[in-house]
PDB file of N, CA and C in Angstrom:
ATOM      1  N   MET A   1      -4.667  25.847 -15.278  1.00  0.00           N
ATOM      2  CA  MET A   1      -4.105  24.056 -14.970  1.00  0.00           C
ATOM      3  C   MET A   1      -4.088  23.233 -16.599  1.00  0.00           C
ATOM      4  N   GLN A   2      -4.762  23.146 -16.838  1.00  0.00           N
ATOM      5  CA  GLN A   2      -4.496  22.135 -18.618  1.00  0.00           C
ATOM      6  C   GLN A   2      -3.489  22.677 -18.541  1.00  0.00           C
ATOM      7  N   ALA A   3      -2.782  24.181 -18.928  1.00  0.00           N
ATOM      8  CA  ALA A   3      -1.207  24.368 -19.228  1.00  0.00           C
ATOM      9  C   ALA A   3      -0.561  23.496 -18.021  1.00  0.00           C
ATOM     10  N   LEU A   4      -0.302  23.655 -17.771  1.00  0.00           N
ATOM     11  CA  LEU A   4       0.385  23.025 -16.777  1.00  0.00           C
ATOM     12  C   LEU A   4       0.305  21.344 -16.737  1.00  0.00           C
ATOM     13  N   TYR A   5      -0.372  21.073 -16.570  1.00  0.00           N
ATOM     14  CA  TYR A   5      -0.588  19.872 -17.268  1.00  0.00           C
ATOM     15  C   TYR A   5       0.317  18.869 -18.544  1.00  0.00           C
ATOM     16  N   GLU A   6       0.209  20.444 -19.718  1.00  0.00           N
ATOM     17  CA  GLU A   6       0.672  20.207 -20.769  1.00  0.00           C
ATOM     18  C   GLU A   6       2.528  20.328 -20.381  1.00  0.00           C
ATOM     19  N   GLU A   7       2.689  21.345 -19.624  1.00  0.00           N
ATOM     20  CA  GLU A   7       4.247  21.197 -19.301  1.00  0.00           C
ATOM     21  C   GLU A   7       4.628  20.035 -18.540  1.00  0.00           C
ATOM     22  N   VAL A   8       3.745  19.783 -17.278  1.00  0.00           N
ATOM     23  CA  VAL A   8       4.269  18.411 -16.873  1.00  0.00           C
ATOM     24  C   VAL A   8       2.995  16.972 -16.194  1.00  0.00           C
ATOM     25  N   PRO A   9       3.690  17.197 -17.612  1.00  0.00           N
ATOM     26  CA  PRO A   9       2.374  15.232 -17.771  1.00  0.00           C
ATOM     27  C   PRO A   9       2.054  14.794 -16.470  1.00  0.00           C
ATOM     28  N   GLN A  10       2.553  14.885 -15.665  1.00  0.00           N
ATOM     29  CA  GLN A  10       3.171  13.638 -13.923  1.00  0.00           C
ATOM     30  C   GLN A  10       2.223  14.838 -13.163  1.00  0.00           C
ATOM     31  N   PHE A  11       1.689  15.596 -13.232  1.00  0.00           N
ATOM     32  CA  PHE A  11       1.018  16.272 -12.529  1.00  0.00           C
ATOM     33  C   PHE A  11      -0.815  15.986 -12.643  1.00  0.00           C
ATOM     34  N   LYS A  12      -0.416  15.611 -13.464  1.00  0.00           N
ATOM     35  CA  LYS A  12      -2.286  15.555 -14.041  1.00  0.00           C
ATOM     36  C   LYS A  12      -2.362  14.157 -13.286  1.00  0.00           C
ATOM     37  N   VAL A  13      -1.469  12.595 -13.539  1.00  0.00           N
ATOM     38  CA  VAL A  13      -1.388  11.727 -13.242  1.00  0.00           C
ATOM     39  C   VAL A  13      -2.022  11.924 -11.284  1.00  0.00           C
ATOM     40  N   ALA A  14      -1.814  12.221 -10.991  1.00  0.00           N
ATOM     41  CA  ALA A  14      -1.762  12.342  -9.101  1.00  0.00           C
ATOM     42  C   ALA A  14      -3.203  12.934  -9.078  1.00  0.00           C
ATOM     43  N   VAL A  15      -4.155  13.781  -9.812  1.00  0.00           N
ATOM     44  CA  VAL A  15      -5.555  14.295  -9.970  1.00  0.00           C
ATOM     45  C   VAL A  15      -6.045  13.495 -11.050  1.00  0.00           C
ATOM     46  N   ASP A  16      -5.907  12.610 -11.453  1.00  0.00           N
ATOM     47  CA  ASP A  16      -6.687  11.374 -12.099  1.00  0.00           C
ATOM     48  C   ASP A  16      -6.958  10.586 -11.152  1.00  0.00           C
ATOM     49  N   GLN A  17      -5.641   9.887 -10.631  1.00  0.00           N
ATOM     50  CA  GLN A  17      -5.821   8.805  -9.140  1.00  0.00           C
ATOM     51  C   GLN A  17      -7.088   9.309  -8.326  1.00  0.00           C
ATOM     52  N   LEU A  18      -7.092  10.659  -8.098  1.00  0.00           N
ATOM     53  CA  LEU A  18      -8.135  10.568  -7.121  1.00  0.00           C
ATOM     54  C   LEU A  18      -9.337  10.177  -7.465  1.00  0.00           C
ATOM     55  N   GLU A  19      -9.669   9.801  -8.199  1.00  0.00           N
ATOM     56  CA  GLU A  19     -11.256   9.323  -9.096  1.00  0.00           C
ATOM     57  C   GLU A  19     -11.730   8.277  -7.761  1.00  0.00           C
ATOM     58  N   TYR A  20     -10.322   7.785  -7.882  1.00  0.00           N
ATOM     59  CA  TYR A  20      -9.791   5.652  -7.587  1.00  0.00           C
ATOM     60  C   TYR A  20      -8.978   5.887  -5.655  1.00  0.00           C
ATOM     61  N   ALA A  21      -8.800   6.816  -5.303  1.00  0.00           N
ATOM     62  CA  ALA A  21      -8.954   7.244  -3.594  1.00  0.00           C
ATOM     63  C   ALA A  21      -9.895   6.757  -2.401  1.00  0.00           C
ATOM     64  N   GLY A  22      -9.603   6.349  -1.810  1.00  0.00           N
ATOM     65  CA  GLY A  22     -10.982   6.232  -0.820  1.00  0.00           C
ATOM     66  C   GLY A  22      -9.833   7.064   0.903  1.00  0.00           C
ATOM     67  N   PRO A  23     -11.004   7.050   1.047  1.00  0.00           N
ATOM     68  CA  PRO A  23     -10.226   7.120   2.565  1.00  0.00           C
ATOM     69  C   PRO A  23      -9.428   5.831   3.665  1.00  0.00           C
ATOM     70  N   ARG A  24      -8.100   6.598   4.844  1.00  0.00           N
ATOM     71  CA  ARG A  24      -8.294   5.248   5.084  1.00  0.00           C
ATOM     72  C   ARG A  24      -8.591   4.617   6.075  1.00  0.00           C
ATOM     73  N   PRO A  25      -8.913   3.522   6.567  1.00  0.00           N
ATOM     74  CA  PRO A  25     -10.173   3.040   7.275  1.00  0.00           C
ATOM     75  C   PRO A  25      -9.801   3.287   8.871  1.00  0.00           C
ATOM     76  N   LEU A  26     -11.284   3.551   9.433  1.00  0.00           N
ATOM     77  CA  LEU A  26     -11.322   4.036  10.551  1.00  0.00           C
ATOM     78  C   LEU A  26     -10.566   2.782  11.988  1.00  0.00           C
ATOM     79  N   ASN A  27      -9.328   2.343  11.708  1.00  0.00           N
ATOM     80  CA  ASN A  27      -9.107   1.929  13.086  1.00  0.00           C
ATOM     81  C   ASN A  27      -8.514   1.947  13.253  1.00  0.00           C
ATOM     82  N   ALA A  28      -7.690   1.732  15.201  1.00  0.00           N
ATOM     83  CA  ALA A  28      -7.365   2.510  15.465  1.00  0.00           C
ATOM     84  C   ALA A  28      -5.903   1.210  15.207  1.00  0.00           C
ATOM     85  N   ASN A  29      -5.189   0.340  14.703  1.00  0.00           N
ATOM     86  CA  ASN A  29      -4.984  -1.013  14.059  1.00  0.00           C
ATOM     87  C   ASN A  29      -3.579  -0.817  12.618  1.00  0.00           C
ATOM     88  N   TYR A  30      -4.499   0.518  11.972  1.00  0.00           N
ATOM     89  CA  TYR A  30      -3.920   0.932  10.712  1.00  0.00           C
ATOM     90  C   TYR A  30      -3.096   1.635  10.571  1.00  0.00           C
ATOM     91  N   SER A  31      -2.337   1.957  11.128  1.00  0.00           N
ATOM     92  CA  SER A  31      -0.494   2.079  11.243  1.00  0.00           C
ATOM     93  C   SER A  31       0.601   0.868  11.201  1.00  0.00           C
ATOM     94  N   GLU A  32      -0.538  -0.264  11.976  1.00  0.00           N
ATOM     95  CA  GLU A  32       0.894  -0.939  12.573  1.00  0.00           C
ATOM     96  C   GLU A  32       0.240  -2.454  11.046  1.00  0.00           C
ATOM     97  N   ALA A  33      -0.946  -2.204  10.541  1.00  0.00           N
ATOM     98  CA  ALA A  33      -1.090  -3.521   9.628  1.00  0.00           C
ATOM     99  C   ALA A  33      -0.424  -2.813   8.606  1.00  0.00           C
ATOM    100  N   GLN A  34      -0.063  -1.102   8.586  1.00  0.00           N
ATOM    101  CA  GLN A  34       0.223  -0.904   6.920  1.00  0.00           C
ATOM    102  C   GLN A  34       1.471  -1.047   6.875  1.00  0.00           C
ATOM    103  N   ASN A  35       2.180  -1.238   8.270  1.00  0.00           N
ATOM    104  CA  ASN A  35       3.664  -1.643   8.411  1.00  0.00           C
ATOM    105  C   ASN A  35       4.145  -2.954   8.485  1.00  0.00           C
ATOM    106  N   ILE A  36       3.845  -3.621   8.582  1.00  0.00           N
ATOM    107  CA  ILE A  36       3.354  -5.102   8.550  1.00  0.00           C
ATOM    108  C   ILE A  36       3.437  -5.639   6.781  1.00  0.00           C
ATOM    109  N   LEU A  37       2.313  -5.266   6.021  1.00  0.00           N
ATOM    110  CA  LEU A  37       2.386  -5.277   4.480  1.00  0.00           C
ATOM    111  C   LEU A  37       3.773  -4.946   4.129  1.00  0.00           C
ATOM    112  N   ARG A  38       3.846  -3.566   4.245  1.00  0.00           N
ATOM    113  CA  ARG A  38       4.408  -2.624   4.315  1.00  0.00           C
ATOM    114  C   ARG A  38       6.044  -3.873   4.006  1.00  0.00           C
ATOM    115  N   ASP A  39       6.430  -4.423   4.583  1.00  0.00           N
ATOM    116  CA  ASP A  39       7.305  -5.091   5.619  1.00  0.00           C
ATOM    117  C   ASP A  39       7.121  -6.441   4.968  1.00  0.00           C
ATOM    118  N   ALA A  40       6.230  -6.506   4.671  1.00  0.00           N
ATOM    119  CA  ALA A  40       6.468  -8.190   3.729  1.00  0.00           C
ATOM    120  C   ALA A  40       6.287  -8.418   2.609  1.00  0.00           C
ATOM    121  N   ILE A  41       5.537  -6.623   1.771  1.00  0.00           N
ATOM    122  CA  ILE A  41       6.250  -6.523   0.202  1.00  0.00           C
ATOM    123  C   ILE A  41       7.894  -6.753   0.433  1.00  0.00           C
ATOM    124  N   THR A  42       8.177  -5.492   1.116  1.00  0.00           N
ATOM    125  CA  THR A  42       9.845  -5.391   1.031  1.00  0.00           C
ATOM    126  C   THR A  42      10.412  -7.176   1.345  1.00  0.00           C
ATOM    127  N   SER A  43       9.684  -7.311   1.892  1.00  0.00           N
ATOM    128  CA  SER A  43      10.272  -9.309   2.155  1.00  0.00           C
ATOM    129  C   SER A  43      10.719  -9.585   1.550  1.00  0.00           C
ATOM    130  N   ALA A  44       9.149  -9.874   0.156  1.00  0.00           N
ATOM    131  CA  ALA A  44       9.516 -10.407  -0.943  1.00  0.00           C
ATOM    132  C   ALA A  44       9.811 -10.390  -1.724  1.00  0.00           C
ATOM    133  N   LEU A  45      10.650  -8.940  -1.722  1.00  0.00           N
ATOM    134  CA  LEU A  45      11.461  -8.098  -3.445  1.00  0.00           C
ATOM    135  C   LEU A  45      12.464  -9.161  -2.774  1.00  0.00           C
ATOM    136  N   ILE A  46      13.224  -8.436  -1.433  1.00  0.00           N
ATOM    137  CA  ILE A  46      15.158  -8.201  -1.281  1.00  0.00           C
ATOM    138  C   ILE A  46      14.827 -10.145  -0.680  1.00  0.00           C
ATOM    139  N   GLN A  47      14.785 -10.902   0.145  1.00  0.00           N
ATOM    140  CA  GLN A  47      14.731 -12.279   0.550  1.00  0.00           C
ATOM    141  C   GLN A  47      14.591 -13.183  -0.528  1.00  0.00           C
ATOM    142  N   GLU A  48      16.025 -14.045  -0.824  1.00  0.00           N
ATOM    143  CA  GLU A  48      15.000 -15.025  -1.841  1.00  0.00           C
ATOM    144  C   GLU A  48      15.038 -16.478  -1.789  1.00  0.00           C
ATOM    145  N   ASP A  49      14.483 -16.771  -0.134  1.00  0.00           N
ATOM    146  CA  ASP A  49      13.704 -17.342  -0.079  1.00  0.00           C
ATOM    147  C   ASP A  49      12.727 -17.324   0.813  1.00  0.00           C
ATOM    148  N   VAL A  50      12.000 -16.005   0.560  1.00  0.00           N
ATOM    149  CA  VAL A  50      10.615 -15.894   1.320  1.00  0.00           C
ATOM    150  C   VAL A  50       9.943 -15.512  -0.757  1.00  0.00           C
ATOM    151  N   THR A  51       8.972 -16.010  -0.996  1.00  0.00           N
ATOM    152  CA  THR A  51       8.041 -16.740  -1.142  1.00  0.00           C
ATOM    153  C   THR A  51       6.802 -14.958  -1.801  1.00  0.00           C
ATOM    154  N   THR A  52       6.350 -14.480  -2.243  1.00  0.00           N
ATOM    155  CA  THR A  52       5.299 -13.399  -2.228  1.00  0.00           C
ATOM    156  C   THR A  52       4.430 -13.872  -1.205  1.00  0.00           C
ATOM    157  N   GLN A  53       3.672 -15.361  -2.061  1.00  0.00           N
ATOM    158  CA  GLN A  53       2.943 -15.672  -1.182  1.00  0.00           C
ATOM    159  C   GLN A  53       2.895 -15.956   0.139  1.00  0.00           C
ATOM    160  N   GLU A  54       4.417 -16.316   0.462  1.00  0.00           N
ATOM    161  CA  GLU A  54       4.978 -16.587   2.016  1.00  0.00           C
ATOM    162  C   GLU A  54       4.279 -15.254   2.574  1.00  0.00           C
ATOM    163  N   ALA A  55       4.924 -14.293   2.270  1.00  0.00           N
ATOM    164  CA  ALA A  55       5.380 -13.196   2.903  1.00  0.00           C
ATOM    165  C   ALA A  55       3.752 -12.485   3.274  1.00  0.00           C
ATOM    166  N   LEU A  56       2.824 -12.760   2.144  1.00  0.00           N
ATOM    167  CA  LEU A  56       1.537 -11.991   2.520  1.00  0.00           C
ATOM    168  C   LEU A  56       0.989 -13.198   2.917  1.00  0.00           C
ATOM    169  N   ASP A  57       0.904 -14.058   3.609  1.00  0.00           N
ATOM    170  CA  ASP A  57      -0.037 -14.326   4.190  1.00  0.00           C
ATOM    171  C   ASP A  57       0.413 -14.746   5.588  1.00  0.00           C
ATOM    172  N   GLU A  58       1.970 -14.408   6.005  1.00  0.00           N
ATOM    173  CA  GLU A  58       2.313 -14.567   6.968  1.00  0.00           C
ATOM    174  C   GLU A  58       1.909 -12.525   7.908  1.00  0.00           C
ATOM    175  N   ALA A  59       1.563 -11.833   6.766  1.00  0.00           N
ATOM    176  CA  ALA A  59       0.848 -10.609   7.384  1.00  0.00           C
ATOM    177  C   ALA A  59      -0.280 -10.959   7.405  1.00  0.00           C
ATOM    178  N   ALA A  60      -1.128 -11.238   6.785  1.00  0.00           N
ATOM    179  CA  ALA A  60      -2.760 -11.137   6.658  1.00  0.00           C
ATOM    180  C   ALA A  60      -2.634 -12.427   7.919  1.00  0.00           C
ATOM    181  N   GLU A  61      -1.496 -12.972   8.523  1.00  0.00           N
ATOM    182  CA  GLU A  61      -1.993 -13.795   9.889  1.00  0.00           C
ATOM    183  C   GLU A  61      -1.802 -12.377  10.665  1.00  0.00           C
ATOM    184  N   ARG A  62      -0.548 -11.551  10.888  1.00  0.00           N
ATOM    185  CA  ARG A  62      -0.422 -11.558  11.934  1.00  0.00           C
ATOM    186  C   ARG A  62      -1.597  -9.918  11.852  1.00  0.00           C
ATOM    187  N   ILE A  63      -2.339  -9.705  10.693  1.00  0.00           N
ATOM    188  CA  ILE A  63      -2.951  -8.121  10.957  1.00  0.00           C
ATOM    189  C   ILE A  63      -4.038  -8.779  11.081  1.00  0.00           C
ATOM    190  N   ASN A  64      -4.541  -9.882  10.906  1.00  0.00           N
ATOM    191  CA  ASN A  64      -6.223 -10.118  11.032  1.00  0.00           C
ATOM    192  C   ASN A  64      -5.495 -10.464  12.892  1.00  0.00           C
ATOM    193  N   GLY A  65      -3.983 -11.353  12.733  1.00  0.00           N
ATOM    194  CA  GLY A  65      -4.662 -10.612  14.511  1.00  0.00           C
ATOM    195  C   GLY A  65      -4.933  -9.497  15.021  1.00  0.00           C
ATOM    196  N   LEU A  66      -5.004  -8.176  14.458  1.00  0.00           N
ATOM    197  CA  LEU A  66      -4.747  -7.260  15.235  1.00  0.00           C
ATOM    198  C   LEU A  66      -6.459  -6.630  15.226  1.00  0.00           C
ATOM    199  N   LEU A  67      -6.984  -7.674  14.087  1.00  0.00           N
ATOM    200  CA  LEU A  67      -9.030  -7.106  13.706  1.00  0.00           C
ATOM    201  C   LEU A  67      -9.331  -8.106  14.608  1.00  0.00           C
ATOM    202  N   LYS A  68      -9.121  -8.446  15.700  1.00  0.00           N
ATOM    203  CA  LYS A  68      -9.915  -8.862  16.553  1.00  0.00           C
ATOM    204  C   LYS A  68      -9.996  -9.052  17.939  1.00  0.00           C
TER     205      LYS A  68
END
């Protein structure tokens, strides 16, 4: 593996990140919450009239509704 990491160092990055990885939350609405967050991030990056804080606040409100 060390020879492979020397040849393609990007492969080692993925392995190094496993130290910080964790399981997905066990919630039936996780996939929908993930989509809401992805859409909020996309919105904040693309739409000039939407601030990052506004996008994330709206996402948090929607996701909190799913968790109740």
